[in-house]
Amino acid sequence: MPDAAHDPKRPLEGQIVIELGSTVAGPFCGRLLADFGADVIKVEQREGDTIRSMGKRREGRSLYAASILRNKRNISVDLRKPEGQALIRKLCEAADVVIENFRPGTLERWGLGYDTLSKINPGIVLVRISGYGQDGPYSQRPGYGVVCEAVSGMREITGDPDRPPARVAVSLTDYITGLYAAFGTVMALLARKDSGTGQVVDAALYESAFSFMEPHIPAFQQLGAIAQRAGPRLPDNTPNSLYETGDGRAIHIAAISSSLFRKLTALMGKPELAEDPRFSTAVERSRNEDALDALIGEWTGSLTIEEAEEALHGAGIPGARIYNMRDIFDDPHYAARQAIVSPEDPVLGPVAMANVAPRLSGTPGRVAFAGRGTGVDTISVLEERLGLGRDEIDVLLEAGVIFDGEAAERAHAPRQEQES
């Protein structure tokens, strides 16, 4: 792990973020801000964020939460109780950002809407992530990422043309929206430098996914073309597909420019294909993609996956086998760039996760610690941020308004650990 004492200052240091969101989109937005230095205080109910029940587990710990909740302090406050809502309002008085991904109207019912928060803190930025946005006829529909992905049109074009629409085996639209929300947060903070006031960032799941449909939107409006599933191909962009090798593996080749295509045909031993009227221009290659893919498949079918990769890389042509997670952990480039980091978890030891992206040369982000347990920082945050005394905290604990996760973890720690 990097030495925090000697690391350059991260660009969001000094920004206080209250993360009220749950599951994926909100926590991912908060994780991005935390990676670049924001002091993100995640608020969970006592039962814990839904993300803790997703993905694989070990020793009763969520491996997913170890990554997506990294770099955040964690408090547990019952937002369903008026006393809990009052605590969060108090925290927001000195905060810069609040992230939430509840159904529109929920924050207002809790007395935590933008109108309320901006009166006590005019500079606050409220980041609102929802399925369909804060207004419009669908705004009150429950909106999970994969459902909003269906509404966006992106699901319709995912998978093979002879099968029902497939899905990527991660919460793709949640991640896209969390990324847009983080981008919107930074823009709002930049705008605040001039205006002195905050604003609302309205990030809708369906709109975020829809923005990735960029090439297909004008194609429908201008031509009436409805995008379809294309399997491993990228429509109207040839050759850009998956080809089988002689040992039963598959390699993706993207030789879409005319210069790359000439290199590929020379590598195949068929330079004349670059002058063939069917393939001499990018437009003609796309019109004749079945014939071209068959010819490329004949060539890759005569090679092993290693031979195909070596030939393509040697000729400067983009191509790669389809990596699985074992390939990634064994890959020398991932290792050289430290693309995987392993911060320490008190139960699991080092936990592997993706390093910070993007990489900034002067003020890079970093992973300081793995995601913490529910409520382990409740007491320290309330003492530090709100100045609460032990008697006040004990009253809140007794009433079930807050949960002391640190005490709970100590109580369940192995005996030898407690004795040490």
Foldseek 3Di string as FASTA:
>chain_A
DDDVVPADQFPQAPAEEEQAAADFQRLQLVQQSLLRHYAYEYEAAPVGGPNQVDDDDDPSGRLSQQASQFSYHFWYFPLVDLVSLVLVLLLLLPHAEYEYEDQAPPCVVSQRDPVNSCVSPFRHEYEYEYAAWNDDPCSRPHHQLVVLLVVLLVQQQAAAQVDGRDDDPDSVLSNLQSVVSNVVSVVQNVVCVVVVGGYYHIGHSNVSSNVVCVVVVVCCVPPVDRRHHHHQCDQLFPPFGWAAAQVGFIKTFHQRQLVSVCLVCVLLVHNCQCVPPCNVHSNSCNVVVVVVNVSVNVSRHDHDQVVVVVSCVVSVTDMHTDDDPVCLVPDPVCVVVVQWFFFQDPPPGTRIDGFRPDADPRNGGGRDHTRDDHRCCNVVCCCVSVVDDPVVVVVCVVVSRIDNVVVVCLVPDDPVVNVD
